[in-house]
Amino acid sequence: MPLKVEFLIGTNLFIDKLGTLVAVGINYIILRETKSSNHVVCDMYSIKFVTIYPANDRP
Protein backbone atom coordinates (compact mmCIF):
# COMPACT_ATOMS: atom_id res chain seq x y z
CA MET A 1 0.00 0.00 0.00
CA PRO A 2 1.72 3.26 -1.10
CA LEU A 3 1.77 5.95 1.59
CA LYS A 4 3.01 9.43 2.27
CA VAL A 5 3.60 9.85 6.02
CA GLU A 6 4.20 13.30 7.50
CA PHE A 7 6.01 13.66 10.83
CA LEU A 8 6.23 16.57 13.24
CA ILE A 9 9.76 16.81 14.63
CA GLY A 10 10.08 19.21 17.55
CA THR A 11 7.61 22.09 17.50
CA ASN A 12 7.59 23.23 13.87
CA LEU A 13 9.60 20.93 11.56
CA PHE A 14 7.62 18.66 9.23
CA ILE A 15 9.33 15.77 7.40
CA ASP A 16 7.60 13.40 5.01
CA LYS A 17 8.45 9.88 3.86
CA LEU A 18 7.11 8.14 0.78
CA GLY A 19 6.95 4.38 0.62
CA THR A 20 5.07 1.14 0.90
CA LEU A 21 3.69 0.00 4.23
CA VAL A 22 5.51 -3.17 5.29
CA ALA A 23 4.47 -3.70 8.92
CA VAL A 24 2.62 -2.08 11.82
CA GLY A 25 3.53 -2.50 15.49
CA ILE A 26 2.08 -1.11 18.71
CA ASN A 27 4.06 2.15 18.50
CA TYR A 28 5.78 2.06 15.10
CA ILE A 29 5.30 1.43 11.39
CA ILE A 30 7.83 0.15 8.86
CA LEU A 31 7.98 1.71 5.39
CA ARG A 32 9.96 0.56 2.36
CA GLU A 33 11.11 3.83 0.80
CA THR A 34 10.06 4.42 -2.81
CA LYS A 35 13.38 5.67 -4.19
CA SER A 36 15.92 3.56 -2.29
CA SER A 37 13.97 0.44 -1.21
CA ASN A 38 15.44 0.89 2.30
CA HIS A 39 13.27 -0.03 5.26
CA VAL A 40 12.53 2.80 7.70
CA VAL A 41 11.07 2.30 11.17
CA CYS A 42 8.83 5.25 12.02
CA ASP A 43 7.73 6.37 15.48
CA MET A 44 3.94 6.28 15.69
CA TYR A 45 3.80 9.22 18.13
CA SER A 46 5.40 11.73 15.75
CA ILE A 47 3.10 10.88 12.81
CA LYS A 48 0.66 13.71 12.09
CA PHE A 49 -0.77 12.96 8.63
CA VAL A 50 -0.95 9.88 6.39
CA THR A 51 -1.99 9.98 2.72
CA ILE A 52 -2.96 6.61 1.26
CA TYR A 53 -2.67 6.25 -2.50
CA PRO A 54 -4.49 3.71 -4.66
CA ALA A 55 -2.29 0.70 -5.50
CA ASN A 56 -1.87 1.70 -9.15
CA ASP A 57 -1.25 5.43 -8.43
CA ARG A 58 2.26 5.74 -6.98
CA PRO A 59 3.40 9.20 -5.75
PDB file of N, CA and C in Angstrom:
ATOM      1  N   MET A   1       0.839  -1.164   0.000  1.00  0.00           N
ATOM      2  CA  MET A   1       0.000   0.000   0.000  1.00  0.00           C
ATOM      3  C   MET A   1       0.896   1.244   0.000  1.00  0.00           C
ATOM      4  N   PRO A   2       0.880   2.056  -1.055  1.00  0.00           N
ATOM      5  CA  PRO A   2       1.717   3.257  -1.104  1.00  0.00           C
ATOM      6  C   PRO A   2       1.201   4.343  -0.159  1.00  0.00           C
ATOM      7  N   LEU A   3       2.121   4.938   0.586  1.00  0.00           N
ATOM      8  CA  LEU A   3       1.768   5.947   1.587  1.00  0.00           C
ATOM      9  C   LEU A   3       2.698   7.142   1.513  1.00  0.00           C
ATOM     10  N   LYS A   4       2.182   8.279   1.942  1.00  0.00           N
ATOM     11  CA  LYS A   4       3.012   9.432   2.275  1.00  0.00           C
ATOM     12  C   LYS A   4       2.720   9.720   3.740  1.00  0.00           C
ATOM     13  N   VAL A   5       3.755   9.645   4.574  1.00  0.00           N
ATOM     14  CA  VAL A   5       3.599   9.846   6.017  1.00  0.00           C
ATOM     15  C   VAL A   5       4.321  11.135   6.382  1.00  0.00           C
ATOM     16  N   GLU A   6       3.614  12.028   7.081  1.00  0.00           N
ATOM     17  CA  GLU A   6       4.201  13.301   7.501  1.00  0.00           C
ATOM     18  C   GLU A   6       4.409  13.278   9.009  1.00  0.00           C
ATOM     19  N   PHE A   7       5.611  13.690   9.430  1.00  0.00           N
ATOM     20  CA  PHE A   7       6.008  13.662  10.830  1.00  0.00           C
ATOM     21  C   PHE A   7       6.240  15.075  11.330  1.00  0.00           C
ATOM     22  N   LEU A   8       5.898  15.321  12.587  1.00  0.00           N
ATOM     23  CA  LEU A   8       6.230  16.570  13.243  1.00  0.00           C
ATOM     24  C   LEU A   8       7.417  16.293  14.151  1.00  0.00           C
ATOM     25  N   ILE A   9       8.539  16.963  13.849  1.00  0.00           N
ATOM     26  CA  ILE A   9       9.760  16.808  14.625  1.00  0.00           C
ATOM     27  C   ILE A   9       9.948  18.095  15.419  1.00  0.00           C
ATOM     28  N   GLY A  10       9.988  18.015  16.731  1.00  0.00           N
ATOM     29  CA  GLY A  10      10.081  19.214  17.554  1.00  0.00           C
ATOM     30  C   GLY A  10       8.767  19.965  17.548  1.00  0.00           C
ATOM     31  N   THR A  11       8.841  21.288  17.446  1.00  0.00           N
ATOM     32  CA  THR A  11       7.614  22.085  17.505  1.00  0.00           C
ATOM     33  C   THR A  11       7.140  22.595  16.157  1.00  0.00           C
ATOM     34  N   ASN A  12       8.040  22.650  15.136  1.00  0.00           N
ATOM     35  CA  ASN A  12       7.587  23.229  13.867  1.00  0.00           C
ATOM     36  C   ASN A  12       8.296  22.670  12.631  1.00  0.00           C
ATOM     37  N   LEU A  13       8.922  21.515  12.713  1.00  0.00           N
ATOM     38  CA  LEU A  13       9.601  20.928  11.563  1.00  0.00           C
ATOM     39  C   LEU A  13       8.828  19.706  11.068  1.00  0.00           C
ATOM     40  N   PHE A  14       8.327  19.788   9.828  1.00  0.00           N
ATOM     41  CA  PHE A  14       7.622  18.662   9.225  1.00  0.00           C
ATOM     42  C   PHE A  14       8.560  17.947   8.256  1.00  0.00           C
ATOM     43  N   ILE A  15       8.563  16.624   8.315  1.00  0.00           N
ATOM     44  CA  ILE A  15       9.329  15.772   7.404  1.00  0.00           C
ATOM     45  C   ILE A  15       8.359  14.740   6.850  1.00  0.00           C
ATOM     46  N   ASP A  16       8.472  14.434   5.560  1.00  0.00           N
ATOM     47  CA  ASP A  16       7.601  13.396   5.008  1.00  0.00           C
ATOM     48  C   ASP A  16       8.435  12.265   4.423  1.00  0.00           C
ATOM     49  N   LYS A  17       7.844  11.090   4.417  1.00  0.00           N
ATOM     50  CA  LYS A  17       8.451   9.876   3.864  1.00  0.00           C
ATOM     51  C   LYS A  17       7.439   9.255   2.907  1.00  0.00           C
ATOM     52  N   LEU A  18       7.934   8.825   1.755  1.00  0.00           N
ATOM     53  CA  LEU A  18       7.107   8.135   0.777  1.00  0.00           C
ATOM     54  C   LEU A  18       7.539   6.684   0.713  1.00  0.00           C
ATOM     55  N   GLY A  19       6.582   5.782   0.706  1.00  0.00           N
ATOM     56  CA  GLY A  19       6.948   4.384   0.620  1.00  0.00           C
ATOM     57  C   GLY A  19       5.756   3.463   0.695  1.00  0.00           C
ATOM     58  N   THR A  20       6.078   2.190   0.810  1.00  0.00           N
ATOM     59  CA  THR A  20       5.075   1.139   0.903  1.00  0.00           C
ATOM     60  C   THR A  20       5.034   0.629   2.335  1.00  0.00           C
ATOM     61  N   LEU A  21       3.847   0.509   2.876  1.00  0.00           N
ATOM     62  CA  LEU A  21       3.691   0.004   4.233  1.00  0.00           C
ATOM     63  C   LEU A  21       4.075  -1.469   4.283  1.00  0.00           C
ATOM     64  N   VAL A  22       5.025  -1.798   5.167  1.00  0.00           N
ATOM     65  CA  VAL A  22       5.512  -3.171   5.288  1.00  0.00           C
ATOM     66  C   VAL A  22       4.936  -3.839   6.534  1.00  0.00           C
ATOM     67  N   ALA A  23       4.937  -3.114   7.669  1.00  0.00           N
ATOM     68  CA  ALA A  23       4.469  -3.697   8.924  1.00  0.00           C
ATOM     69  C   ALA A  23       3.990  -2.593   9.858  1.00  0.00           C
ATOM     70  N   VAL A  24       3.141  -2.996  10.812  1.00  0.00           N
ATOM     71  CA  VAL A  24       2.621  -2.079  11.822  1.00  0.00           C
ATOM     72  C   VAL A  24       2.791  -2.743  13.174  1.00  0.00           C
ATOM     73  N   GLY A  25       3.390  -2.015  14.122  1.00  0.00           N
ATOM     74  CA  GLY A  25       3.535  -2.499  15.489  1.00  0.00           C
ATOM     75  C   GLY A  25       2.692  -1.656  16.432  1.00  0.00           C
ATOM     76  N   ILE A  26       2.855  -1.853  17.714  1.00  0.00           N
ATOM     77  CA  ILE A  26       2.077  -1.108  18.707  1.00  0.00           C
ATOM     78  C   ILE A  26       2.403   0.381  18.651  1.00  0.00           C
ATOM     79  N   ASN A  27       3.686   0.734  18.491  1.00  0.00           N
ATOM     80  CA  ASN A  27       4.063   2.148  18.499  1.00  0.00           C
ATOM     81  C   ASN A  27       4.993   2.523  17.344  1.00  0.00           C
ATOM     82  N   TYR A  28       4.945   1.772  16.254  1.00  0.00           N
ATOM     83  CA  TYR A  28       5.781   2.063  15.099  1.00  0.00           C
ATOM     84  C   TYR A  28       5.147   1.510  13.823  1.00  0.00           C
ATOM     85  N   ILE A  29       5.608   2.035  12.686  1.00  0.00           N
ATOM     86  CA  ILE A  29       5.297   1.435  11.388  1.00  0.00           C
ATOM     87  C   ILE A  29       6.623   1.255  10.653  1.00  0.00           C
ATOM     88  N   ILE A  30       6.650   0.351   9.691  1.00  0.00           N
ATOM     89  CA  ILE A  30       7.833   0.155   8.861  1.00  0.00           C
ATOM     90  C   ILE A  30       7.436   0.436   7.418  1.00  0.00           C
ATOM     91  N   LEU A  31       8.190   1.353   6.790  1.00  0.00           N
ATOM     92  CA  LEU A  31       7.980   1.707   5.394  1.00  0.00           C
ATOM     93  C   LEU A  31       9.167   1.241   4.558  1.00  0.00           C
ATOM     94  N   ARG A  32       8.900   0.793   3.338  1.00  0.00           N
ATOM     95  CA  ARG A  32       9.962   0.563   2.357  1.00  0.00           C
ATOM     96  C   ARG A  32       9.953   1.802   1.471  1.00  0.00           C
ATOM     97  N   GLU A  33      11.040   2.577   1.528  1.00  0.00           N
ATOM     98  CA  GLU A  33      11.106   3.835   0.798  1.00  0.00           C
ATOM     99  C   GLU A  33      11.001   3.610  -0.703  1.00  0.00           C
ATOM    100  N   THR A  34      10.318   4.536  -1.376  1.00  0.00           N
ATOM    101  CA  THR A  34      10.060   4.418  -2.808  1.00  0.00           C
ATOM    102  C   THR A  34      11.341   4.478  -3.623  1.00  0.00           C
ATOM    103  N   LYS A  35      12.205   5.451  -3.351  1.00  0.00           N
ATOM    104  CA  LYS A  35      13.384   5.667  -4.192  1.00  0.00           C
ATOM    105  C   LYS A  35      14.527   4.702  -3.906  1.00  0.00           C
ATOM    106  N   SER A  36      14.728   4.346  -2.641  1.00  0.00           N
ATOM    107  CA  SER A  36      15.916   3.564  -2.289  1.00  0.00           C
ATOM    108  C   SER A  36      15.628   2.117  -1.917  1.00  0.00           C
ATOM    109  N   SER A  37      14.386   1.759  -1.671  1.00  0.00           N
ATOM    110  CA  SER A  37      13.975   0.438  -1.206  1.00  0.00           C
ATOM    111  C   SER A  37      14.515   0.096   0.182  1.00  0.00           C
ATOM    112  N   ASN A  38      15.031   1.104   0.907  1.00  0.00           N
ATOM    113  CA  ASN A  38      15.445   0.895   2.295  1.00  0.00           C
ATOM    114  C   ASN A  38      14.214   0.791   3.184  1.00  0.00           C
ATOM    115  N   HIS A  39      14.338   0.052   4.277  1.00  0.00           N
ATOM    116  CA  HIS A  39      13.265  -0.029   5.259  1.00  0.00           C
ATOM    117  C   HIS A  39      13.512   1.023   6.338  1.00  0.00           C
ATOM    118  N   VAL A  40      12.450   1.752   6.692  1.00  0.00           N
ATOM    119  CA  VAL A  40      12.534   2.805   7.696  1.00  0.00           C
ATOM    120  C   VAL A  40      11.513   2.495   8.787  1.00  0.00           C
ATOM    121  N   VAL A  41      11.965   2.473  10.033  1.00  0.00           N
ATOM    122  CA  VAL A  41      11.065   2.298  11.175  1.00  0.00           C
ATOM    123  C   VAL A  41      10.662   3.689  11.648  1.00  0.00           C
ATOM    124  N   CYS A  42       9.358   3.927  11.730  1.00  0.00           N
ATOM    125  CA  CYS A  42       8.826   5.253  12.022  1.00  0.00           C
ATOM    126  C   CYS A  42       8.075   5.235  13.349  1.00  0.00           C
ATOM    127  N   ASP A  43       8.372   6.217  14.178  1.00  0.00           N
ATOM    128  CA  ASP A  43       7.734   6.367  15.483  1.00  0.00           C
ATOM    129  C   ASP A  43       6.280   6.789  15.310  1.00  0.00           C
ATOM    130  N   MET A  44       5.361   6.018  15.844  1.00  0.00           N
ATOM    131  CA  MET A  44       3.936   6.284  15.695  1.00  0.00           C
ATOM    132  C   MET A  44       3.526   7.617  16.335  1.00  0.00           C
ATOM    133  N   TYR A  45       4.208   8.038  17.383  1.00  0.00           N
ATOM    134  CA  TYR A  45       3.796   9.222  18.134  1.00  0.00           C
ATOM    135  C   TYR A  45       4.151  10.529  17.430  1.00  0.00           C
ATOM    136  N   SER A  46       5.064  10.507  16.467  1.00  0.00           N
ATOM    137  CA  SER A  46       5.404  11.734  15.746  1.00  0.00           C
ATOM    138  C   SER A  46       4.656  11.850  14.414  1.00  0.00           C
ATOM    139  N   ILE A  47       3.883  10.833  14.045  1.00  0.00           N
ATOM    140  CA  ILE A  47       3.104  10.879  12.808  1.00  0.00           C
ATOM    141  C   ILE A  47       1.927  11.836  12.996  1.00  0.00           C
ATOM    142  N   LYS A  48       1.777  12.761  12.034  1.00  0.00           N
ATOM    143  CA  LYS A  48       0.665  13.710  12.092  1.00  0.00           C
ATOM    144  C   LYS A  48      -0.349  13.466  10.983  1.00  0.00           C
ATOM    145  N   PHE A  49       0.132  13.169   9.770  1.00  0.00           N
ATOM    146  CA  PHE A  49      -0.766  12.956   8.629  1.00  0.00           C
ATOM    147  C   PHE A  49      -0.291  11.756   7.827  1.00  0.00           C
ATOM    148  N   VAL A  50      -1.254  11.003   7.272  1.00  0.00           N
ATOM    149  CA  VAL A  50      -0.950   9.878   6.386  1.00  0.00           C
ATOM    150  C   VAL A  50      -1.847   9.998   5.163  1.00  0.00           C
ATOM    151  N   THR A  51      -1.241   9.988   3.981  1.00  0.00           N
ATOM    152  CA  THR A  51      -1.986   9.983   2.724  1.00  0.00           C
ATOM    153  C   THR A  51      -1.831   8.597   2.124  1.00  0.00           C
ATOM    154  N   ILE A  52      -2.957   7.952   1.836  1.00  0.00           N
ATOM    155  CA  ILE A  52      -2.965   6.608   1.264  1.00  0.00           C
ATOM    156  C   ILE A  52      -3.321   6.723  -0.212  1.00  0.00           C
ATOM    157  N   TYR A  53      -2.452   6.190  -1.066  1.00  0.00           N
ATOM    158  CA  TYR A  53      -2.669   6.254  -2.504  1.00  0.00           C
ATOM    159  C   TYR A  53      -3.224   4.922  -3.003  1.00  0.00           C
ATOM    160  N   PRO A  54      -4.040   4.955  -4.053  1.00  0.00           N
ATOM    161  CA  PRO A  54      -4.494   3.709  -4.660  1.00  0.00           C
ATOM    162  C   PRO A  54      -3.278   2.892  -5.135  1.00  0.00           C
ATOM    163  N   ALA A  55      -3.414   1.591  -5.182  1.00  0.00           N
ATOM    164  CA  ALA A  55      -2.294   0.700  -5.499  1.00  0.00           C
ATOM    165  C   ALA A  55      -1.651   0.998  -6.847  1.00  0.00           C
ATOM    166  N   ASN A  56      -2.426   1.449  -7.830  1.00  0.00           N
ATOM    167  CA  ASN A  56      -1.874   1.703  -9.155  1.00  0.00           C
ATOM    168  C   ASN A  56      -1.450   3.158  -9.353  1.00  0.00           C
ATOM    169  N   ASP A  57      -1.579   3.997  -8.327  1.00  0.00           N
ATOM    170  CA  ASP A  57      -1.249   5.431  -8.428  1.00  0.00           C
ATOM    171  C   ASP A  57      -0.132   5.752  -7.452  1.00  0.00           C
ATOM    172  N   ARG A  58       1.102   5.501  -7.853  1.00  0.00           N
ATOM    173  CA  ARG A  58       2.260   5.744  -6.981  1.00  0.00           C
ATOM    174  C   ARG A  58       2.615   7.221  -6.984  1.00  0.00           C
ATOM    175  N   PRO A  59       3.008   7.771  -5.820  1.00  0.00           N
ATOM    176  CA  PRO A  59       3.398   9.201  -5.749  1.00  0.00           C
ATOM    177  C   PRO A  59       4.735   9.449  -6.424  1.00  0.00           C
TER     178      PRO A  59
END
